[in-house]
Amino acid sequence: MATTVWKGHLTFGLISMPVRMTTAARGERISFNQLHKECHSRLKQPLFCPVCNRNVERSEIVKGYEYEKDQYVLFSEEELDKIEPSSARVMEILEFVKLSEMDPLYFDSSYYISPEDAGVKAYQLLMKAMEESGYGAIAKLTMHQREHIVIVRPGTRGMTLHTMFYSNEIRAAESVPTDKIEVKEQEKKLAQQLIESLAAPFEPQKYRDEYQENVKAMIAAKLKGQEVTEVAQPHMAPVIDLMEALKKSLAEKQAPAAAAAPALVAEGPVGKKPPARAVQPISTVPKRAGKKATG
């Protein structure tokens, strides 16, 4: 079962329901350890006090705010708990907004909201009402020592919650002089045809992180004593004639797909194992050679 990151009540009007939140998404990536180049030992970063001239334990740490150079106001965890707003335990819906009017630029982290037993009916009522009306709920929520503005919306199997950036956290985009560029009607039609030729249902399982797959393959190649060949990069030429580029793009999409060429493995020197391409995903890496792989 997923770890609960927040537990409290979701309220709107006089209706209150006990709910819990779990993380909906988490980035996955291969991490490397930092090693000493000379002996390949893993480096550590101890907490060191220069005044006491010794390492300190985490139990000795307090939080402080630097109001002047090297001058701090100190706070304990108990003091920080005292100033938590009501949104630390109660997520009150402030208003409902049309989801179609929301800019995804404001979305930050995603969570699932699940009802406790006593709140199942109210939870289902709110979710169905938002689903049929096209509205999402704006609320405030305090966790991890910060009050977040959040949007609650109906999902395929329950309600989801997204923490949002405040407006002052959104960086202004650099202005692009689009009003000075004339786009011809024929160019727009060709561009729309190209979009339609590439259109497909959204199936997120189709997409994968090729860089992470290449890293896994490189690790496997290193463990086998093989060299890794460089992945071919496309040559990007500047577009001189936009109309011609659009026509060629459409022609390529409409032409029958050529048979995919088999992947080639570069040949290595005589007596050595052939180098491996860093493009084949490797499902497992032997644990016994893990220390050697980080070197």
C-alpha atoms as a PDB file:
ATOM      1  CA  MET A   1       0.000   0.000   0.000  1.00  0.00           C
ATOM      2  CA  ALA A   2       1.271   3.467  -0.897  1.00  0.00           C
ATOM      3  CA  THR A   3       2.580   5.651   1.929  1.00  0.00           C
ATOM      4  CA  THR A   4       0.142   8.299   3.178  1.00  0.00           C
ATOM      5  CA  VAL A   5       1.686  11.786   2.863  1.00  0.00           C
ATOM      6  CA  TRP A   6      -1.256  13.745   4.367  1.00  0.00           C
ATOM      7  CA  LYS A   7      -4.324  12.811   6.365  1.00  0.00           C
ATOM      8  CA  GLY A   8      -7.194  15.079   7.333  1.00  0.00           C
ATOM      9  CA  HIS A   9     -10.611  16.307   6.207  1.00  0.00           C
ATOM     10  CA  LEU A  10     -11.754  17.641   2.840  1.00  0.00           C
ATOM     11  CA  THR A  11     -14.655  20.078   3.286  1.00  0.00           C
ATOM     12  CA  PHE A  12     -17.013  22.046   1.072  1.00  0.00           C
ATOM     13  CA  GLY A  13     -19.974  23.923   2.518  1.00  0.00           C
ATOM     14  CA  LEU A  14     -21.175  21.953   5.552  1.00  0.00           C
ATOM     15  CA  ILE A  15     -19.992  18.625   4.131  1.00  0.00           C
ATOM     16  CA  SER A  16     -16.840  17.131   5.603  1.00  0.00           C
ATOM     17  CA  MET A  17     -15.133  13.875   4.674  1.00  0.00           C
ATOM     18  CA  PRO A  18     -12.009  12.210   6.121  1.00  0.00           C
ATOM     19  CA  VAL A  19      -9.436  11.568   3.385  1.00  0.00           C
ATOM     20  CA  ARG A  20      -5.812  10.591   2.925  1.00  0.00           C
ATOM     21  CA  MET A  21      -3.316  11.504   0.215  1.00  0.00           C
ATOM     22  CA  THR A  22      -0.735   9.319  -1.483  1.00  0.00           C
ATOM     23  CA  THR A  23       1.871  10.240  -4.086  1.00  0.00           C
ATOM     24  CA  ALA A  24       0.561   9.702  -7.632  1.00  0.00           C
ATOM     25  CA  ALA A  25       3.842   9.922  -9.545  1.00  0.00           C
ATOM     26  CA  ARG A  26       7.548   9.660  -8.853  1.00  0.00           C
ATOM     27  CA  GLY A  27      10.449  10.199 -11.198  1.00  0.00           C
ATOM     28  CA  GLU A  28      12.731   7.203 -11.737  1.00  0.00           C
ATOM     29  CA  ARG A  29      16.335   7.499 -12.760  1.00  0.00           C
ATOM     30  CA  ILE A  30      19.647   5.739 -12.342  1.00  0.00           C
ATOM     31  CA  SER A  31      21.844   7.431  -9.767  1.00  0.00           C
ATOM     32  CA  PHE A  32      25.619   7.314  -9.554  1.00  0.00           C
ATOM     33  CA  ASN A  33      27.707   7.452  -6.388  1.00  0.00           C
ATOM     34  CA  GLN A  34      30.628   9.835  -6.050  1.00  0.00           C
ATOM     35  CA  LEU A  35      33.899   7.918  -5.672  1.00  0.00           C
ATOM     36  CA  HIS A  36      37.470   8.883  -4.951  1.00  0.00           C
ATOM     37  CA  LYS A  37      39.295   8.686  -8.279  1.00  0.00           C
ATOM     38  CA  GLU A  38      42.409   7.200  -6.666  1.00  0.00           C
ATOM     39  CA  CYS A  39      40.955   4.253  -4.695  1.00  0.00           C
ATOM     40  CA  HIS A  40      37.325   4.117  -5.907  1.00  0.00           C
ATOM     41  CA  SER A  41      36.000   4.456  -2.337  1.00  0.00           C
ATOM     42  CA  ARG A  42      32.589   6.049  -1.903  1.00  0.00           C
ATOM     43  CA  LEU A  43      32.846   9.609  -0.617  1.00  0.00           C
ATOM     44  CA  LYS A  44      30.854  10.740   2.408  1.00  0.00           C
ATOM     45  CA  GLN A  45      29.622  14.187   3.374  1.00  0.00           C
ATOM     46  CA  PRO A  46      29.599  14.418   7.194  1.00  0.00           C
ATOM     47  CA  LEU A  47      27.928  17.300   9.037  1.00  0.00           C
ATOM     48  CA  PHE A  48      30.921  19.195  10.441  1.00  0.00           C
ATOM     49  CA  CYS A  49      30.937  22.034  12.958  1.00  0.00           C
ATOM     50  CA  PRO A  50      33.964  24.309  12.363  1.00  0.00           C
ATOM     51  CA  VAL A  51      33.688  25.902  15.864  1.00  0.00           C
ATOM     52  CA  CYS A  52      33.559  22.633  17.827  1.00  0.00           C
ATOM     53  CA  ASN A  53      35.914  21.071  15.280  1.00  0.00           C
ATOM     54  CA  ARG A  54      33.988  17.792  15.092  1.00  0.00           C
ATOM     55  CA  ASN A  55      31.270  15.980  13.208  1.00  0.00           C
ATOM     56  CA  VAL A  56      27.739  16.352  14.614  1.00  0.00           C
ATOM     57  CA  GLU A  57      24.810  13.933  14.751  1.00  0.00           C
ATOM     58  CA  ARG A  58      21.444  14.814  13.227  1.00  0.00           C
ATOM     59  CA  SER A  59      19.931  14.830  16.722  1.00  0.00           C
ATOM     60  CA  GLU A  60      22.091  17.892  17.504  1.00  0.00           C
ATOM     61  CA  ILE A  61      20.655  19.963  14.650  1.00  0.00           C
ATOM     62  CA  VAL A  62      18.236  22.879  15.105  1.00  0.00           C
ATOM     63  CA  LYS A  63      16.754  25.139  12.457  1.00  0.00           C
ATOM     64  CA  GLY A  64      17.779  28.756  12.160  1.00  0.00           C
ATOM     65  CA  TYR A  65      16.919  31.738   9.968  1.00  0.00           C
ATOM     66  CA  GLU A  66      19.832  34.028   9.048  1.00  0.00           C
ATOM     67  CA  TYR A  67      18.538  37.598   9.526  1.00  0.00           C
ATOM     68  CA  GLU A  68      22.036  39.137   9.361  1.00  0.00           C
ATOM     69  CA  LYS A  69      25.423  37.772   8.370  1.00  0.00           C
ATOM     70  CA  ASP A  70      26.133  34.833  10.752  1.00  0.00           C
ATOM     71  CA  GLN A  71      23.243  35.882  13.015  1.00  0.00           C
ATOM     72  CA  TYR A  72      20.349  33.416  13.360  1.00  0.00           C
ATOM     73  CA  VAL A  73      16.924  33.155  14.933  1.00  0.00           C
ATOM     74  CA  LEU A  74      16.516  29.590  16.219  1.00  0.00           C
ATOM     75  CA  PHE A  75      13.381  27.433  15.991  1.00  0.00           C
ATOM     76  CA  SER A  76      12.423  24.043  17.378  1.00  0.00           C
ATOM     77  CA  GLU A  77      10.053  21.603  15.658  1.00  0.00           C
ATOM     78  CA  GLU A  78       7.504  22.234  18.419  1.00  0.00           C
ATOM     79  CA  GLU A  79       7.537  25.987  17.730  1.00  0.00           C
ATOM     80  CA  LEU A  80       7.049  25.419  14.007  1.00  0.00           C
ATOM     81  CA  ASP A  81       4.119  23.094  14.724  1.00  0.00           C
ATOM     82  CA  LYS A  82       2.431  25.826  16.802  1.00  0.00           C
ATOM     83  CA  ILE A  83       2.089  28.160  13.807  1.00  0.00           C
ATOM     84  CA  GLU A  84       0.604  25.598  11.418  1.00  0.00           C
ATOM     85  CA  PRO A  85      -2.596  27.013   9.853  1.00  0.00           C
ATOM     86  CA  SER A  86      -5.884  25.084   9.902  1.00  0.00           C
ATOM     87  CA  SER A  87      -5.101  23.800   6.380  1.00  0.00           C
ATOM     88  CA  ALA A  88      -2.584  21.419   7.995  1.00  0.00           C
ATOM     89  CA  ARG A  89      -5.531  19.249   9.058  1.00  0.00           C
ATOM     90  CA  VAL A  90      -8.522  20.533   7.092  1.00  0.00           C
ATOM     91  CA  MET A  91      -8.487  21.052   3.323  1.00  0.00           C
ATOM     92  CA  GLU A  92     -11.352  23.501   2.767  1.00  0.00           C
ATOM     93  CA  ILE A  93     -12.554  24.017  -0.798  1.00  0.00           C
ATOM     94  CA  LEU A  94     -12.467  27.765  -1.484  1.00  0.00           C
ATOM     95  CA  GLU A  95     -14.079  27.789  -4.922  1.00  0.00           C
ATOM     96  CA  PHE A  96     -14.786  25.733  -8.017  1.00  0.00           C
ATOM     97  CA  VAL A  97     -13.244  26.613 -11.386  1.00  0.00           C
ATOM     98  CA  LYS A  98     -13.663  25.246 -14.899  1.00  0.00           C
ATOM     99  CA  LEU A  99     -10.862  22.764 -15.540  1.00  0.00           C
ATOM    100  CA  SER A 100     -10.766  23.812 -19.196  1.00  0.00           C
ATOM    101  CA  GLU A 101      -9.723  27.324 -18.097  1.00  0.00           C
ATOM    102  CA  MET A 102      -6.718  26.153 -16.068  1.00  0.00           C
ATOM    103  CA  ASP A 103      -3.203  26.514 -17.464  1.00  0.00           C
ATOM    104  CA  PRO A 104      -1.174  23.323 -16.741  1.00  0.00           C
ATOM    105  CA  LEU A 105       1.826  25.603 -16.235  1.00  0.00           C
ATOM    106  CA  TYR A 106       0.612  26.079 -12.642  1.00  0.00           C
ATOM    107  CA  PHE A 107       0.585  22.333 -11.838  1.00  0.00           C
ATOM    108  CA  ASP A 108       3.395  21.012  -9.642  1.00  0.00           C
ATOM    109  CA  SER A 109       3.160  17.599  -7.894  1.00  0.00           C
ATOM    110  CA  SER A 110       0.356  15.033  -8.251  1.00  0.00           C
ATOM    111  CA  TYR A 111      -1.375  12.969  -5.565  1.00  0.00           C
ATOM    112  CA  TYR A 112      -4.271  10.550  -5.209  1.00  0.00           C
ATOM    113  CA  ILE A 113      -7.017  11.353  -2.701  1.00  0.00           C
ATOM    114  CA  SER A 114      -8.742   8.359  -1.126  1.00  0.00           C
ATOM    115  CA  PRO A 115     -11.704   8.482   1.298  1.00  0.00           C
ATOM    116  CA  GLU A 116     -11.748   6.899   4.716  1.00  0.00           C
ATOM    117  CA  ASP A 117     -14.728   4.630   5.391  1.00  0.00           C
ATOM    118  CA  ALA A 118     -16.825   7.407   6.935  1.00  0.00           C
ATOM    119  CA  GLY A 119     -16.394   9.668   3.905  1.00  0.00           C
ATOM    120  CA  VAL A 120     -17.034   7.341   0.954  1.00  0.00           C
ATOM    121  CA  LYS A 121     -20.529   8.628   0.068  1.00  0.00           C
ATOM    122  CA  ALA A 122     -19.621  12.331   0.295  1.00  0.00           C
ATOM    123  CA  TYR A 123     -16.449  11.608  -1.686  1.00  0.00           C
ATOM    124  CA  GLN A 124     -18.420   9.881  -4.447  1.00  0.00           C
ATOM    125  CA  LEU A 125     -20.992  12.694  -4.517  1.00  0.00           C
ATOM    126  CA  LEU A 126     -18.344  15.407  -4.919  1.00  0.00           C
ATOM    127  CA  MET A 127     -16.425  13.469  -7.566  1.00  0.00           C
ATOM    128  CA  LYS A 128     -19.514  12.771  -9.682  1.00  0.00           C
ATOM    129  CA  ALA A 129     -20.724  16.366  -9.419  1.00  0.00           C
ATOM    130  CA  MET A 130     -17.369  17.731 -10.597  1.00  0.00           C
ATOM    131  CA  GLU A 131     -17.117  15.102 -13.324  1.00  0.00           C
ATOM    132  CA  GLU A 132     -20.493  16.033 -14.844  1.00  0.00           C
ATOM    133  CA  SER A 133     -20.065  19.794 -14.441  1.00  0.00           C
ATOM    134  CA  GLY A 134     -16.475  20.088 -15.691  1.00  0.00           C
ATOM    135  CA  TYR A 135     -15.396  21.901 -12.518  1.00  0.00           C
ATOM    136  CA  GLY A 136     -12.371  21.371 -10.299  1.00  0.00           C
ATOM    137  CA  ALA A 137     -12.009  22.428  -6.668  1.00  0.00           C
ATOM    138  CA  ILE A 138      -9.477  25.012  -5.485  1.00  0.00           C
ATOM    139  CA  ALA A 139      -8.363  24.478  -1.886  1.00  0.00           C
ATOM    140  CA  LYS A 140      -5.465  25.141   0.487  1.00  0.00           C
ATOM    141  CA  LEU A 141      -3.331  22.444   2.070  1.00  0.00           C
ATOM    142  CA  THR A 142      -0.384  22.645   4.457  1.00  0.00           C
ATOM    143  CA  MET A 143       2.282  19.924   4.406  1.00  0.00           C
ATOM    144  CA  HIS A 144       6.074  19.804   4.564  1.00  0.00           C
ATOM    145  CA  GLN A 145       6.107  23.215   6.296  1.00  0.00           C
ATOM    146  CA  ARG A 146       4.418  25.027   3.436  1.00  0.00           C
ATOM    147  CA  GLU A 147       0.856  26.015   2.601  1.00  0.00           C
ATOM    148  CA  HIS A 148      -0.004  24.973  -0.945  1.00  0.00           C
ATOM    149  CA  ILE A 149      -2.776  26.091  -3.224  1.00  0.00           C
ATOM    150  CA  VAL A 150      -4.182  22.908  -4.799  1.00  0.00           C
ATOM    151  CA  ILE A 151      -6.648  21.786  -7.448  1.00  0.00           C
ATOM    152  CA  VAL A 152      -8.767  18.689  -6.809  1.00  0.00           C
ATOM    153  CA  ARG A 153     -10.276  17.052  -9.878  1.00  0.00           C
ATOM    154  CA  PRO A 154     -12.062  13.808 -10.757  1.00  0.00           C
ATOM    155  CA  GLY A 155      -9.874  11.065 -12.196  1.00  0.00           C
ATOM    156  CA  THR A 156     -10.559   7.718 -13.842  1.00  0.00           C
ATOM    157  CA  ARG A 157     -10.492   5.797 -10.546  1.00  0.00           C
ATOM    158  CA  GLY A 158     -10.971   8.503  -7.967  1.00  0.00           C
ATOM    159  CA  MET A 159     -10.029  12.088  -7.254  1.00  0.00           C
ATOM    160  CA  THR A 160      -6.564  13.453  -7.883  1.00  0.00           C
ATOM    161  CA  LEU A 161      -4.902  16.496  -6.352  1.00  0.00           C
ATOM    162  CA  HIS A 162      -2.216  18.720  -7.845  1.00  0.00           C
ATOM    163  CA  THR A 163      -0.230  21.200  -5.795  1.00  0.00           C
ATOM    164  CA  MET A 164       0.144  24.426  -7.744  1.00  0.00           C
ATOM    165  CA  PHE A 165       2.679  27.183  -8.096  1.00  0.00           C
ATOM    166  CA  TYR A 166       1.580  30.583  -6.832  1.00  0.00           C
ATOM    167  CA  SER A 167       1.348  33.280  -9.477  1.00  0.00           C
ATOM    168  CA  ASN A 168       4.502  35.010  -8.168  1.00  0.00           C
ATOM    169  CA  GLU A 169       6.437  31.750  -8.711  1.00  0.00           C
ATOM    170  CA  ILE A 170       5.629  31.596 -12.419  1.00  0.00           C
ATOM    171  CA  ARG A 171       8.373  33.164 -14.486  1.00  0.00           C
ATOM    172  CA  ALA A 172       7.286  35.438 -17.280  1.00  0.00           C
ATOM    173  CA  ALA A 173       7.973  34.088 -20.747  1.00  0.00           C
ATOM    174  CA  GLU A 174      10.078  36.143 -23.090  1.00  0.00           C
ATOM    175  CA  SER A 175       7.897  37.920 -25.601  1.00  0.00           C
ATOM    176  CA  VAL A 176       7.970  36.503 -29.121  1.00  0.00           C
ATOM    177  CA  PRO A 177       7.174  38.979 -31.938  1.00  0.00           C
ATOM    178  CA  THR A 178       4.534  36.687 -33.510  1.00  0.00           C
ATOM    179  CA  ASP A 179       2.411  39.624 -34.649  1.00  0.00           C
ATOM    180  CA  LYS A 180       5.163  40.660 -37.065  1.00  0.00           C
ATOM    181  CA  ILE A 181       5.303  37.270 -38.780  1.00  0.00           C
ATOM    182  CA  GLU A 182       2.881  36.627 -41.635  1.00  0.00           C
ATOM    183  CA  VAL A 183       1.658  33.040 -41.976  1.00  0.00           C
ATOM    184  CA  LYS A 184       0.062  32.119 -45.296  1.00  0.00           C
ATOM    185  CA  GLU A 185      -3.218  30.199 -45.444  1.00  0.00           C
ATOM    186  CA  GLN A 186      -1.622  27.413 -47.501  1.00  0.00           C
ATOM    187  CA  GLU A 187       1.152  27.043 -44.906  1.00  0.00           C
ATOM    188  CA  LYS A 188      -1.437  26.692 -42.138  1.00  0.00           C
ATOM    189  CA  LYS A 189      -3.340  24.028 -44.087  1.00  0.00           C
ATOM    190  CA  LEU A 190      -0.178  22.006 -44.691  1.00  0.00           C
ATOM    191  CA  ALA A 191       0.809  22.330 -41.037  1.00  0.00           C
ATOM    192  CA  GLN A 192      -2.666  21.125 -39.973  1.00  0.00           C
ATOM    193  CA  GLN A 193      -2.400  18.172 -42.365  1.00  0.00           C
ATOM    194  CA  LEU A 194       0.975  17.279 -40.864  1.00  0.00           C
ATOM    195  CA  ILE A 195      -0.512  17.476 -37.352  1.00  0.00           C
ATOM    196  CA  GLU A 196      -3.392  15.211 -38.395  1.00  0.00           C
ATOM    197  CA  SER A 197      -0.964  12.702 -39.927  1.00  0.00           C
ATOM    198  CA  LEU A 198       0.857  12.500 -36.585  1.00  0.00           C
ATOM    199  CA  ALA A 199      -2.314  12.490 -34.454  1.00  0.00           C
ATOM    200  CA  ALA A 200      -2.865   9.455 -32.201  1.00  0.00           C
ATOM    201  CA  PRO A 201      -4.714   8.561 -28.979  1.00  0.00           C
ATOM    202  CA  PHE A 202      -2.761   9.441 -25.835  1.00  0.00           C
ATOM    203  CA  GLU A 203      -1.146   6.206 -24.657  1.00  0.00           C
ATOM    204  CA  PRO A 204       1.544   7.107 -22.096  1.00  0.00           C
ATOM    205  CA  GLN A 205       2.853   3.526 -21.938  1.00  0.00           C
ATOM    206  CA  LYS A 206       4.254   3.982 -25.465  1.00  0.00           C
ATOM    207  CA  TYR A 207       6.873   6.452 -24.292  1.00  0.00           C
ATOM    208  CA  ARG A 208      10.082   5.535 -22.494  1.00  0.00           C
ATOM    209  CA  ASP A 209      13.267   7.172 -21.272  1.00  0.00           C
ATOM    210  CA  GLU A 210      15.833   6.148 -23.891  1.00  0.00           C
ATOM    211  CA  TYR A 211      18.652   7.869 -22.025  1.00  0.00           C
ATOM    212  CA  GLN A 212      18.054   5.736 -18.917  1.00  0.00           C
ATOM    213  CA  GLU A 213      17.911   2.622 -21.107  1.00  0.00           C
ATOM    214  CA  ASN A 214      21.242   3.615 -22.647  1.00  0.00           C
ATOM    215  CA  VAL A 215      22.736   4.061 -19.168  1.00  0.00           C
ATOM    216  CA  LYS A 216      21.576   0.550 -18.190  1.00  0.00           C
ATOM    217  CA  ALA A 217      23.110  -0.867 -21.365  1.00  0.00           C
ATOM    218  CA  MET A 218      26.341   1.015 -20.724  1.00  0.00           C
ATOM    219  CA  ILE A 219      26.522  -0.400 -17.183  1.00  0.00           C
ATOM    220  CA  ALA A 220      25.967  -3.926 -18.543  1.00  0.00           C
ATOM    221  CA  ALA A 221      28.632  -3.380 -21.219  1.00  0.00           C
ATOM    222  CA  LYS A 222      31.145  -2.140 -18.630  1.00  0.00           C
ATOM    223  CA  LEU A 223      30.479  -5.183 -16.447  1.00  0.00           C
ATOM    224  CA  LYS A 224      31.251  -7.423 -19.430  1.00  0.00           C
ATOM    225  CA  GLY A 225      34.426  -5.505 -20.263  1.00  0.00           C
ATOM    226  CA  GLN A 226      32.976  -4.148 -23.502  1.00  0.00           C
ATOM    227  CA  GLU A 227      33.328  -0.733 -25.055  1.00  0.00           C
ATOM    228  CA  VAL A 228      30.249   1.365 -25.770  1.00  0.00           C
ATOM    229  CA  THR A 229      29.600   2.891 -29.151  1.00  0.00           C
ATOM    230  CA  GLU A 230      28.222   6.384 -29.493  1.00  0.00           C
ATOM    231  CA  VAL A 231      24.538   6.783 -30.361  1.00  0.00           C
ATOM    232  CA  ALA A 232      24.062   8.407 -33.774  1.00  0.00           C
ATOM    233  CA  GLN A 233      22.656  11.929 -33.577  1.00  0.00           C
ATOM    234  CA  PRO A 234      20.398  13.445 -36.262  1.00  0.00           C
ATOM    235  CA  HIS A 235      21.759  16.254 -38.413  1.00  0.00           C
ATOM    236  CA  MET A 236      19.527  19.301 -38.042  1.00  0.00           C
ATOM    237  CA  ALA A 237      19.637  21.638 -41.025  1.00  0.00           C
ATOM    238  CA  PRO A 238      18.036  25.100 -40.875  1.00  0.00           C
ATOM    239  CA  VAL A 239      14.683  25.421 -42.673  1.00  0.00           C
ATOM    240  CA  ILE A 240      15.113  27.671 -45.709  1.00  0.00           C
ATOM    241  CA  ASP A 241      11.766  27.151 -47.452  1.00  0.00           C
ATOM    242  CA  LEU A 242       8.953  26.486 -44.976  1.00  0.00           C
ATOM    243  CA  MET A 243       6.462  25.385 -47.640  1.00  0.00           C
ATOM    244  CA  GLU A 244       8.952  22.924 -49.143  1.00  0.00           C
ATOM    245  CA  ALA A 245       9.776  21.524 -45.691  1.00  0.00           C
ATOM    246  CA  LEU A 246       6.062  21.014 -44.930  1.00  0.00           C
ATOM    247  CA  LYS A 247       5.475  19.256 -48.266  1.00  0.00           C
ATOM    248  CA  LYS A 248       8.458  16.938 -47.747  1.00  0.00           C
ATOM    249  CA  SER A 249       7.333  16.146 -44.201  1.00  0.00           C
ATOM    250  CA  LEU A 250       3.864  15.201 -45.432  1.00  0.00           C
ATOM    251  CA  ALA A 251       5.309  13.107 -48.258  1.00  0.00           C
ATOM    252  CA  GLU A 252       7.484  11.169 -45.821  1.00  0.00           C
ATOM    253  CA  LYS A 253       4.528  10.470 -43.533  1.00  0.00           C
ATOM    254  CA  GLN A 254       2.325   9.333 -46.392  1.00  0.00           C
ATOM    255  CA  ALA A 255       4.960   7.091 -47.981  1.00  0.00           C
ATOM    256  CA  PRO A 256       5.013   3.414 -46.893  1.00  0.00           C
ATOM    257  CA  ALA A 257       7.232   2.892 -43.843  1.00  0.00           C
ATOM    258  CA  ALA A 258      10.575   1.380 -44.771  1.00  0.00           C
ATOM    259  CA  ALA A 259      11.635  -1.829 -43.039  1.00  0.00           C
ATOM    260  CA  ALA A 260      13.623  -1.066 -39.913  1.00  0.00           C
ATOM    261  CA  ALA A 261      17.320  -1.820 -40.344  1.00  0.00           C
ATOM    262  CA  PRO A 262      18.811  -4.258 -37.797  1.00  0.00           C
ATOM    263  CA  ALA A 263      20.970  -2.698 -35.082  1.00  0.00           C
ATOM    264  CA  LEU A 264      24.682  -3.089 -35.746  1.00  0.00           C
ATOM    265  CA  VAL A 265      27.330  -3.875 -33.175  1.00  0.00           C
ATOM    266  CA  ALA A 266      30.676  -2.206 -33.746  1.00  0.00           C
ATOM    267  CA  GLU A 267      33.659  -4.499 -34.024  1.00  0.00           C
ATOM    268  CA  GLY A 268      36.469  -4.191 -31.505  1.00  0.00           C
ATOM    269  CA  PRO A 269      40.164  -5.041 -31.683  1.00  0.00           C
ATOM    270  CA  VAL A 270      41.220  -8.667 -32.118  1.00  0.00           C
ATOM    271  CA  GLY A 271      41.253 -10.581 -28.849  1.00  0.00           C
ATOM    272  CA  LYS A 272      38.848  -8.195 -27.092  1.00  0.00           C
ATOM    273  CA  LYS A 273      35.125  -8.461 -26.548  1.00  0.00           C
ATOM    274  CA  PRO A 274      33.129  -6.479 -29.124  1.00  0.00           C
ATOM    275  CA  PRO A 275      31.818  -3.095 -27.958  1.00  0.00           C
ATOM    276  CA  ALA A 276      28.119  -2.957 -27.092  1.00  0.00           C
ATOM    277  CA  ARG A 277      25.682  -0.321 -28.286  1.00  0.00           C
ATOM    278  CA  ALA A 278      24.232   1.781 -25.510  1.00  0.00           C
ATOM    279  CA  VAL A 279      20.744   1.468 -26.923  1.00  0.00           C
ATOM    280  CA  GLN A 280      19.516  -1.921 -25.727  1.00  0.00           C
ATOM    281  CA  PRO A 281      17.530  -1.839 -22.459  1.00  0.00           C
ATOM    282  CA  ILE A 282      18.922  -4.190 -19.822  1.00  0.00           C
ATOM    283  CA  SER A 283      16.439  -5.498 -17.274  1.00  0.00           C
ATOM    284  CA  THR A 284      18.889  -6.655 -14.612  1.00  0.00           C
ATOM    285  CA  VAL A 285      22.499  -6.006 -13.630  1.00  0.00           C
ATOM    286  CA  PRO A 286      24.403  -8.582 -11.536  1.00  0.00           C
ATOM    287  CA  LYS A 287      24.646  -7.387  -7.928  1.00  0.00           C
ATOM    288  CA  ARG A 288      28.017  -9.036  -7.286  1.00  0.00           C
ATOM    289  CA  ALA A 289      29.722  -6.622  -9.685  1.00  0.00           C
ATOM    290  CA  GLY A 290      27.921  -3.508  -8.458  1.00  0.00           C
ATOM    291  CA  LYS A 291      30.993  -1.991  -6.795  1.00  0.00           C
ATOM    292  CA  LYS A 292      33.038  -2.436  -9.949  1.00  0.00           C
ATOM    293  CA  ALA A 293      30.405  -0.722 -12.081  1.00  0.00           C
ATOM    294  CA  THR A 294      30.685   2.533 -10.163  1.00  0.00           C
ATOM    295  CA  GLY A 295      34.402   2.838 -10.812  1.00  0.00           C
END
